Amino acid sequence: MRISFSTLACPAWNLDAVLATALREGFDGIELRFIENDDRLWQRPEFSGARLRATCHHLKEVGLEISCLDTSCFFHHPEAGRRREAVEMGRAMIELAAQLEAPGIRVFGDRVQPGADRASTAAWIAEGVRELADFGEPLRVQVWLESHGDFACARDTLQVLDTAGSTNTGVVWDPANAFSEFGEEPRQGLEILGKRIRHVHIKDARPPRDNAPGKLWDPVLMGEGQFPAQTLVDLLARAGYGGFVSFEWEKRWHPEIPEPEVALPHFIRWMRAALASNI
């Protein structure tokens, strides 16, 4: 297994700070989500023209990989125009991923919108995934659907991909989403998704203190929550998973949680100990 972290953990950092931290802490790669609070990465100077070439050269020089390029593409909108905007954003990110030699981009389903139904929503998602997968195939960039939202359970994620019908797809498996919202254990998810998994998100969380119905779980440092993260690592190790396990510390959405300067070193220590138990 290789280890990366999402820049969702440090959304305000510049690229130099992200890479310096990855190298200092011993990560193998970076999952790009935000740079300087900007998620339209294809428009940023670090990823354009001569500076893009310099960025690619530096990544190779220091031995860091881009494990995944995260988009904000949602395909659940009933309005065709909004789904078209998501496709166009996805195409731009695929082109950037190809330049950065990232193997895939992350997209969402995600939730059945007011006035829509589940079957139609699943069909819209599959259509968007298929169109991007067809675009990415000649560029050797896959389209990875995150197990998230109303389609977080493994069977629902897999059904969408099967409907899309493209071999140039896979799953960003986030088992904590299905566990916290639907009670799906990591073992169940792994058995169902199997070789469709291309990238794994790992994090810890606990139920909200006020136990409000429908409220998402609160992020906590690894080992301090109720998600069976050690079990997840054990399962992946026994399955011979050789892809990236990427720490998703949701600082962007939860500014109150500990700073990345605390969370990232804590995670890498926890992850090394978790891996060591499987040696």
Foldseek 3Di string as FASTA:
>chain_A
DFAEAECLQVQQAAPVVRVVVCLVLVHQEYAYQHHNNDRLVLPDPCQDDPNVVVNLVVCVVSRYAHAEYEDAQEQQDPDPVNNVVSLVSLLSVLVSCLSRVHQEYEHEQAEHDPPGDDVVSLLRSLCSQLVSLVSNVVSNYAYAYELYHPNNAQVSRVVSPVSNPDPRYAYAREPVRCCQPPNDALVRNCVRRPPRHAEYEDFAFAQDPVNPPPDTTGGDAPPPHDRPRLVNLLVCVVSVDDGYYYYYDNCVVPVPYDHCVPRVSSVSVVVVVSVVVND
